[in-house]
Amino acid sequence: MDFALTEEQVLFRKQIVDFAHKRLNEGVVERDEASTFDRAGFMACAELGLLGLPVPEQYGGLGLDVVSCMVAMEALGYGAADQGLAFAVNTQLWTCELPILKFGTEAQKQRYLPKLVTGELIGGHATSEPGSGSDAFAMQTKAVEDGDHWVINGSKTFITNAPIADVLIIFASTATGEKRGFGGGLSAFLVDMDTPGVSVGRPLHKMGLRTSPTAEVTLDEVRVPATAMLGRKGGGAAIFNSEMEWERSCLFACHLGAMERQLERCVTYAQERVQFGQPIGNYQAVSHRIANMKLRVEMARPMLYKVGWLKDRGERAVLEAAIAKLYVSEAYVQSSLDAVAIHGGYGYMAEYEMERMLRDSVGSVLYSGTSDIQRNLIARWLGL
């Protein structure tokens, strides 16, 4: 595996970092306090091409390979202090656009992808329910066939982008009898949010990633044409797992970029902050924390990029994606705790970045499959 970036990747990375510094960071403290989504920033990301990274040029995208997508997301995470906005971008890319690209009909691709790439449409997916989070295949939302339509009923929760979405991929049980779970019975549907019977609850107030809007979605006798089904009947598990493989690599590359920025901030602070007559970086209690932060960044990077390398070779990377997701998420939280400790009282203040980064990091051990779910997956791959 060659870890060297191409000249094009290096230039694109710099372009994204410069863009994020100039266009995405102003007012982030106020937006975080008010839980406000930066729609102008989202549209600016679209103008740069970030909403079309993996989408072929025929649908308006850039048609990049997986590693290049990861480079772009790492750059966005490094440059953008607004991690909620970055999370919203990732949600649209890996849980809406990619499934349409990989599993959609040509008509579905033509209808949705060009407008998603330009930001004219905002998308996401809806899997989690009040009674089923990690046990995704125990969902109670049902879709019943009625002639050439499907009628969907159920409730979804913790749905990223729901308050601003134009389209969501809704996962529902289409099982009959006992045929349920991973092997069959779960299907996916492209549902426009203005479809009668679709309602979005109030935005949920979260610990972190507050600038990424999240809400509950209720589906009451939602009637969609048979052409709204994404992929085949009963093929929802394959779509969901494909989403997770992409999300566990590209989204967490974004977190890797944030960890790199966090590390640099801590190094600078340790060099400039003087206590007891010398920079605090001279004390091992501080320097060892920073050394551990550097170790985590350097260990995370090859884990993540191995996933992209495998996917670009056409190989599955389920195990590798689980390993990378597990490590990066837990490393992100620990480094954020260390960053707060290094900054002391300033690290605890809401107006400073370290406090917000800690809050933003905690969700990473929950979404895209909790740490325990990743350990279960890894154990199963080892035959346990």
Protein backbone atom coordinates (compact mmCIF):
# COMPACT_ATOMS: atom_id res chain seq x y z
CA MET A 1 0.00 0.00 0.00
CA ASP A 2 1.44 3.36 -1.08
CA PHE A 3 0.76 6.03 1.53
CA ALA A 4 1.99 8.89 -0.66
CA LEU A 5 -0.70 11.25 -1.92
CA THR A 6 -0.75 12.23 -5.57
CA GLU A 7 -0.04 15.81 -6.56
CA GLU A 8 -3.73 16.25 -7.35
CA GLN A 9 -4.75 14.96 -3.92
CA VAL A 10 -2.30 17.29 -2.17
CA LEU A 11 -3.59 20.31 -4.09
CA PHE A 12 -7.23 19.37 -3.50
CA ARG A 13 -6.54 18.93 0.21
CA LYS A 14 -5.02 22.41 0.43
CA GLN A 15 -7.92 23.87 -1.53
CA ILE A 16 -10.45 22.36 0.88
CA VAL A 17 -8.56 23.47 3.99
CA ASP A 18 -8.25 27.04 2.68
CA PHE A 19 -11.92 27.03 1.68
CA ALA A 20 -13.03 25.82 5.12
CA HIS A 21 -10.97 28.47 6.91
CA LYS A 22 -12.47 31.23 4.76
CA ARG A 23 -16.09 30.08 4.35
CA LEU A 24 -17.13 27.73 7.16
CA ASN A 25 -15.72 28.95 10.47
CA GLU A 26 -17.10 32.42 11.07
CA GLY A 27 -19.87 32.44 13.68
CA VAL A 28 -19.48 28.78 14.65
CA VAL A 29 -19.67 29.51 18.41
CA GLU A 30 -22.97 31.33 17.99
CA ARG A 31 -24.38 28.65 15.67
CA ASP A 32 -23.40 25.95 18.14
CA GLU A 33 -25.11 27.77 21.02
CA ALA A 34 -28.28 28.27 18.96
CA SER A 35 -28.15 24.84 17.25
CA THR A 36 -28.31 26.60 13.88
CA PHE A 37 -27.52 24.88 10.60
CA ASP A 38 -25.26 26.81 8.21
CA ARG A 39 -27.17 26.44 4.95
CA ALA A 40 -24.94 28.98 3.22
CA GLY A 41 -21.91 26.94 4.23
CA PHE A 42 -23.59 23.78 2.98
CA MET A 43 -24.21 25.40 -0.39
CA ALA A 44 -20.61 26.61 -0.47
CA CYS A 45 -19.51 23.00 0.02
CA ALA A 46 -21.68 22.06 -2.94
CA GLU A 47 -20.11 24.78 -5.09
CA LEU A 48 -16.65 23.42 -4.29
CA GLY A 49 -17.77 19.94 -5.33
CA LEU A 50 -17.76 18.33 -1.88
CA LEU A 51 -21.33 17.07 -2.27
CA GLY A 52 -20.37 15.21 -5.42
CA LEU A 53 -17.04 13.65 -4.49
CA PRO A 54 -17.82 10.02 -5.45
CA VAL A 55 -20.62 10.78 -7.91
CA PRO A 56 -19.74 10.29 -11.60
CA GLU A 57 -19.44 13.36 -13.79
CA GLN A 58 -22.51 12.34 -15.79
CA TYR A 59 -24.59 13.18 -12.71
CA GLY A 60 -22.68 16.37 -11.93
CA GLY A 61 -20.10 14.97 -9.51
CA LEU A 62 -16.33 14.67 -9.45
CA GLY A 63 -16.14 10.89 -9.81
CA LEU A 64 -13.30 10.47 -7.31
CA ASP A 65 -11.92 7.18 -6.01
CA VAL A 66 -12.43 6.21 -2.37
CA VAL A 67 -8.99 7.28 -1.12
CA SER A 68 -9.43 10.70 -2.73
CA CYS A 69 -12.82 11.02 -1.04
CA MET A 70 -11.16 10.24 2.28
CA VAL A 71 -8.43 12.81 1.64
CA ALA A 72 -11.14 15.40 0.98
CA MET A 73 -13.05 14.51 4.14
CA GLU A 74 -9.91 14.58 6.26
CA ALA A 75 -9.19 18.05 4.87
CA LEU A 76 -12.74 19.19 5.66
CA GLY A 77 -12.44 17.88 9.21
CA TYR A 78 -9.11 19.64 9.64
CA GLY A 79 -10.23 22.96 8.21
CA ALA A 80 -13.81 23.23 9.45
CA ALA A 81 -14.39 24.16 13.07
CA ASP A 82 -18.09 23.55 12.40
CA GLN A 83 -18.09 19.77 12.77
CA GLY A 84 -21.88 19.68 12.71
CA LEU A 85 -21.88 21.06 9.18
CA ALA A 86 -19.22 18.52 8.18
CA PHE A 87 -21.39 15.79 9.69
CA ALA A 88 -24.41 16.93 7.66
CA VAL A 89 -22.30 16.84 4.48
CA ASN A 90 -21.08 13.33 5.27
CA THR A 91 -24.59 12.15 6.06
CA GLN A 92 -25.85 13.22 2.65
CA LEU A 93 -22.87 11.72 0.83
CA TRP A 94 -22.63 8.26 2.39
CA THR A 95 -26.21 7.51 3.49
CA CYS A 96 -28.15 9.02 0.60
CA GLU A 97 -26.09 9.69 -2.52
CA LEU A 98 -23.94 6.54 -2.39
CA PRO A 99 -26.88 4.14 -1.93
CA ILE A 100 -28.69 5.77 -4.85
CA LEU A 101 -25.54 5.55 -6.96
CA LYS A 102 -24.85 1.92 -6.06
CA PHE A 103 -28.35 0.46 -5.85
CA GLY A 104 -30.64 2.89 -7.66
CA THR A 105 -32.23 2.57 -11.07
CA GLU A 106 -31.10 4.91 -13.81
CA ALA A 107 -34.33 6.88 -13.37
CA GLN A 108 -33.65 7.28 -9.63
CA LYS A 109 -30.09 8.40 -10.29
CA GLN A 110 -31.21 10.94 -12.88
CA ARG A 111 -33.94 12.26 -10.62
CA TYR A 112 -31.96 12.72 -7.41
CA LEU A 113 -28.19 12.75 -7.86
CA PRO A 114 -27.73 15.96 -9.92
CA LYS A 115 -29.82 17.97 -7.45
CA LEU A 116 -28.18 16.41 -4.40
CA VAL A 117 -24.74 17.23 -5.80
CA THR A 118 -25.64 20.91 -6.27
CA GLY A 119 -27.31 21.19 -2.88
CA GLU A 120 -30.70 21.88 -4.46
CA LEU A 121 -31.85 18.79 -2.58
CA ILE A 122 -30.70 17.71 0.88
CA GLY A 123 -30.84 14.04 1.81
CA GLY A 124 -30.18 11.46 4.48
CA HIS A 125 -31.47 8.12 5.67
CA ALA A 126 -33.78 6.90 8.42
CA THR A 127 -32.96 3.66 10.19
CA SER A 128 -33.01 4.17 13.98
CA GLU A 129 -36.32 3.89 15.79
CA PRO A 130 -37.45 4.53 19.38
CA GLY A 131 -37.37 0.77 19.98
CA SER A 132 -34.47 -0.29 17.75
CA GLY A 133 -31.08 1.38 17.58
CA SER A 134 -28.19 -1.05 17.45
CA ASP A 135 -30.65 -3.85 16.68
CA ALA A 136 -31.45 -2.25 13.35
CA PHE A 137 -33.13 -5.33 11.92
CA ALA A 138 -35.75 -5.36 14.68
CA MET A 139 -37.35 -2.16 13.37
CA GLN A 140 -41.12 -1.83 13.58
CA THR A 141 -41.66 0.48 10.60
CA LYS A 142 -43.53 -1.55 8.01
CA ALA A 143 -44.19 -1.20 4.30
CA VAL A 144 -47.15 -3.07 2.85
CA GLU A 145 -47.59 -3.63 -0.87
CA ASP A 146 -50.81 -2.23 -2.31
CA GLY A 147 -51.03 -2.75 -6.05
CA ASP A 148 -48.30 -0.71 -7.69
CA HIS A 149 -47.63 1.24 -4.48
CA TRP A 150 -46.22 0.68 -1.00
CA VAL A 151 -47.83 2.07 2.16
CA ILE A 152 -45.35 2.86 4.95
CA ASN A 153 -46.17 3.28 8.64
CA GLY A 154 -43.77 3.82 11.53
CA SER A 155 -41.57 6.20 13.48
CA LYS A 156 -37.88 7.01 13.15
CA THR A 157 -35.65 8.89 15.58
CA PHE A 158 -32.22 10.54 15.71
CA ILE A 159 -32.48 11.24 11.97
CA THR A 160 -29.66 13.52 10.82
CA ASN A 161 -30.71 16.21 8.32
CA ALA A 162 -34.41 15.43 8.86
CA PRO A 163 -35.45 19.05 9.59
CA ILE A 164 -33.82 20.26 6.36
CA ALA A 165 -34.17 17.17 4.16
CA ASP A 166 -35.99 16.97 0.85
CA VAL A 167 -35.57 13.21 0.53
CA LEU A 168 -34.76 10.38 2.93
CA ILE A 169 -33.99 6.73 2.36
CA ILE A 170 -36.49 5.05 4.66
CA PHE A 171 -35.76 1.53 5.86
CA ALA A 172 -38.84 -0.56 6.59
CA SER A 173 -39.81 -4.17 7.10
CA THR A 174 -41.48 -5.73 4.09
CA ALA A 175 -41.38 -9.18 5.66
CA THR A 176 -44.31 -11.55 5.75
CA GLY A 177 -44.60 -14.27 8.34
CA GLU A 178 -41.36 -15.17 10.08
CA LYS A 179 -38.98 -14.02 7.37
CA ARG A 180 -37.33 -11.07 9.10
CA GLY A 181 -33.88 -9.81 10.00
CA PHE A 182 -30.64 -9.63 8.10
CA GLY A 183 -31.40 -12.32 5.56
CA GLY A 184 -34.58 -10.78 4.24
CA GLY A 185 -37.56 -8.64 4.98
CA LEU A 186 -35.83 -5.27 5.19
CA SER A 187 -36.26 -2.90 2.25
CA ALA A 188 -35.31 0.69 1.46
CA PHE A 189 -37.48 3.40 -0.09
CA LEU A 190 -36.74 6.84 -1.49
CA VAL A 191 -39.32 9.06 0.16
CA ASP A 192 -39.75 12.74 -0.69
CA MET A 193 -40.38 14.70 2.47
CA ASP A 194 -43.39 16.49 1.01
CA THR A 195 -45.21 13.17 0.55
CA PRO A 196 -48.55 13.18 2.43
CA GLY A 197 -48.22 11.43 5.78
CA VAL A 198 -44.57 12.34 6.37
CA SER A 199 -44.06 14.59 9.39
CA VAL A 200 -40.88 15.82 11.06
CA GLY A 201 -40.77 16.51 14.78
CA ARG A 202 -39.03 19.39 16.49
CA PRO A 203 -35.23 19.45 16.18
CA LEU A 204 -33.60 17.43 18.95
CA HIS A 205 -31.19 19.25 21.27
CA LYS A 206 -27.96 17.27 21.33
CA MET A 207 -24.84 17.24 23.46
CA GLY A 208 -22.63 17.85 20.43
CA LEU A 209 -22.76 18.35 16.67
CA ARG A 210 -25.50 20.86 17.43
CA THR A 211 -25.22 22.59 14.06
CA SER A 212 -26.24 19.32 12.40
CA PRO A 213 -30.06 19.25 12.56
CA THR A 214 -31.60 16.05 13.92
CA ALA A 215 -35.24 15.09 14.50
CA GLU A 216 -37.83 12.35 14.68
CA VAL A 217 -39.74 11.37 11.54
CA THR A 218 -43.24 9.89 11.57
CA LEU A 219 -44.73 8.01 8.63
CA ASP A 220 -48.51 7.72 8.72
CA GLU A 221 -50.02 5.87 5.76
CA VAL A 222 -47.27 7.20 3.51
CA ARG A 223 -48.05 6.00 0.01
CA VAL A 224 -45.16 5.76 -2.47
CA PRO A 225 -45.00 4.18 -5.94
CA ALA A 226 -43.26 0.86 -6.43
CA THR A 227 -40.58 2.77 -8.33
CA ALA A 228 -39.57 4.40 -5.02
CA MET A 229 -38.06 1.15 -3.76
CA LEU A 230 -34.27 1.34 -3.73
CA GLY A 231 -32.73 -1.92 -4.85
CA ARG A 232 -34.70 -5.14 -4.58
CA LYS A 233 -37.37 -6.15 -2.11
CA GLY A 234 -35.66 -7.56 0.96
CA GLY A 235 -32.34 -6.02 -0.07
CA GLY A 236 -32.27 -3.37 2.63
CA ALA A 237 -29.61 -5.12 4.71
CA ALA A 238 -27.12 -5.02 1.84
CA ILE A 239 -27.82 -1.31 1.29
CA PHE A 240 -27.46 -0.54 5.00
CA ASN A 241 -24.18 -2.42 5.33
CA SER A 242 -22.79 -0.75 2.21
CA GLU A 243 -23.65 2.64 3.70
CA MET A 244 -21.90 1.77 6.95
CA GLU A 245 -18.72 0.65 5.19
CA TRP A 246 -18.47 4.02 3.45
CA GLU A 247 -19.48 6.01 6.52
CA ARG A 248 -17.04 4.19 8.81
CA SER A 249 -14.19 5.19 6.53
CA CYS A 250 -15.00 8.58 5.00
CA LEU A 251 -16.88 10.17 7.92
CA PHE A 252 -14.18 9.06 10.32
CA ALA A 253 -11.52 10.47 8.02
CA CYS A 254 -13.26 13.76 8.79
CA HIS A 255 -12.79 13.06 12.51
CA LEU A 256 -9.13 12.26 11.85
CA GLY A 257 -8.72 15.72 10.37
CA ALA A 258 -10.32 17.24 13.47
CA MET A 259 -7.91 15.27 15.68
CA GLU A 260 -4.96 16.65 13.69
CA ARG A 261 -6.19 20.22 14.18
CA GLN A 262 -6.80 19.55 17.87
CA LEU A 263 -3.25 18.23 18.24
CA GLU A 264 -1.76 21.31 16.61
CA ARG A 265 -3.79 23.61 18.87
CA CYS A 266 -2.53 21.74 21.93
CA VAL A 267 1.11 21.91 20.82
CA THR A 268 0.83 25.67 20.26
CA TYR A 269 -0.88 26.20 23.61
CA ALA A 270 1.72 24.10 25.45
CA GLN A 271 4.50 26.17 23.88
CA GLU A 272 2.91 29.53 24.70
CA ARG A 273 1.24 28.96 28.07
CA VAL A 274 3.69 29.68 30.90
CA GLN A 275 3.23 28.39 34.44
CA PHE A 276 5.78 28.28 37.24
CA GLY A 277 8.22 30.16 35.05
CA GLN A 278 8.25 27.89 32.00
CA PRO A 279 6.04 26.69 29.13
CA ILE A 280 3.69 23.95 30.29
CA GLY A 281 4.96 21.77 27.44
CA ASN A 282 8.11 21.30 29.51
CA TYR A 283 6.12 19.28 32.04
CA GLN A 284 5.73 15.60 31.26
CA ALA A 285 2.13 15.62 32.48
CA VAL A 286 1.40 17.82 29.45
CA SER A 287 3.96 16.61 26.93
CA HIS A 288 3.05 12.96 27.43
CA ARG A 289 -0.61 13.72 26.80
CA ILE A 290 0.35 15.45 23.57
CA ALA A 291 2.63 12.57 22.60
CA ASN A 292 -0.30 10.18 23.07
CA MET A 293 -2.48 12.42 20.91
CA LYS A 294 0.14 12.22 18.15
CA LEU A 295 0.29 8.43 18.50
CA ARG A 296 -3.47 8.19 18.06
CA VAL A 297 -3.43 10.32 14.91
CA GLU A 298 -0.63 8.31 13.34
CA MET A 299 -2.23 4.97 14.25
CA ALA A 300 -5.65 6.04 12.99
CA ARG A 301 -4.51 7.18 9.57
CA PRO A 302 -3.28 3.83 8.15
CA MET A 303 -6.28 2.02 9.63
CA LEU A 304 -8.65 4.35 7.81
CA TYR A 305 -6.80 4.56 4.52
CA LYS A 306 -6.45 0.80 4.35
CA VAL A 307 -10.25 0.69 4.05
CA GLY A 308 -10.16 3.11 1.13
CA TRP A 309 -7.30 1.23 -0.50
CA LEU A 310 -9.19 -2.07 -0.28
CA LYS A 311 -12.39 -0.55 -1.63
CA ASP A 312 -10.54 1.01 -4.56
CA ARG A 313 -9.20 -2.48 -5.35
CA GLY A 314 -12.77 -3.78 -5.44
CA GLU A 315 -12.40 -5.74 -2.21
CA ARG A 316 -14.75 -5.82 0.76
CA ALA A 317 -13.55 -4.03 3.86
CA VAL A 318 -16.22 -4.81 6.45
CA LEU A 319 -13.76 -5.96 9.12
CA GLU A 320 -11.23 -3.23 8.39
CA ALA A 321 -13.94 -0.55 8.47
CA ALA A 322 -15.15 -1.80 11.85
CA ILE A 323 -11.61 -1.78 13.25
CA ALA A 324 -10.95 1.73 11.94
CA LYS A 325 -14.27 3.10 13.16
CA LEU A 326 -13.80 1.63 16.62
CA TYR A 327 -10.26 2.91 17.02
CA VAL A 328 -10.80 6.38 15.58
CA SER A 329 -13.95 7.08 17.60
CA GLU A 330 -12.43 6.06 20.92
CA ALA A 331 -9.16 7.84 20.10
CA TYR A 332 -11.12 10.99 19.20
CA VAL A 333 -12.89 11.02 22.57
CA GLN A 334 -9.70 10.36 24.56
CA SER A 335 -7.73 13.01 22.69
CA SER A 336 -10.55 15.48 23.27
CA LEU A 337 -10.43 14.76 27.00
CA ASP A 338 -6.66 15.25 26.94
CA ALA A 339 -7.06 18.53 25.05
CA VAL A 340 -9.44 19.87 27.69
CA ALA A 341 -7.01 18.85 30.45
CA ILE A 342 -4.08 20.53 28.67
CA HIS A 343 -6.03 23.78 28.34
CA GLY A 344 -7.23 23.65 31.95
CA GLY A 345 -9.97 26.15 32.77
CA TYR A 346 -9.90 27.53 29.23
CA GLY A 347 -10.58 24.05 27.91
CA TYR A 348 -13.76 23.96 29.99
CA MET A 349 -15.15 27.23 28.66
CA ALA A 350 -17.84 27.05 25.98
CA GLU A 351 -16.35 29.94 24.00
CA TYR A 352 -13.15 27.97 23.40
CA GLU A 353 -12.86 25.23 20.81
CA MET A 354 -11.69 22.39 23.06
CA GLU A 355 -14.96 22.25 24.99
CA ARG A 356 -16.98 22.04 21.79
CA MET A 357 -14.65 19.45 20.29
CA LEU A 358 -15.12 17.23 23.33
CA ARG A 359 -18.90 17.44 23.02
CA ASP A 360 -18.70 16.81 19.28
CA SER A 361 -16.44 13.79 19.73
CA VAL A 362 -18.65 11.81 22.12
CA GLY A 363 -21.25 10.92 19.50
CA SER A 364 -18.61 9.19 17.38
CA VAL A 365 -18.63 6.13 19.67
CA LEU A 366 -22.41 5.85 19.14
CA TYR A 367 -23.31 6.57 15.51
CA SER A 368 -22.35 4.29 12.62
CA GLY A 369 -22.58 1.44 15.10
CA THR A 370 -21.56 1.72 18.75
CA SER A 371 -18.16 0.62 20.01
CA ASP A 372 -19.71 -2.54 21.43
CA ILE A 373 -21.33 -3.35 18.08
CA GLN A 374 -17.95 -2.94 16.36
CA ARG A 375 -16.33 -5.28 18.88
CA ASN A 376 -19.12 -7.80 18.27
CA LEU A 377 -18.54 -7.57 14.52
CA ILE A 378 -14.78 -8.00 14.88
CA ALA A 379 -15.27 -11.00 17.17
CA ARG A 380 -17.63 -12.65 14.67
CA TRP A 381 -15.08 -12.21 11.89
CA LEU A 382 -12.60 -14.02 14.13
CA GLY A 383 -14.99 -16.94 14.46
CA LEU A 384 -16.18 -16.19 18.00
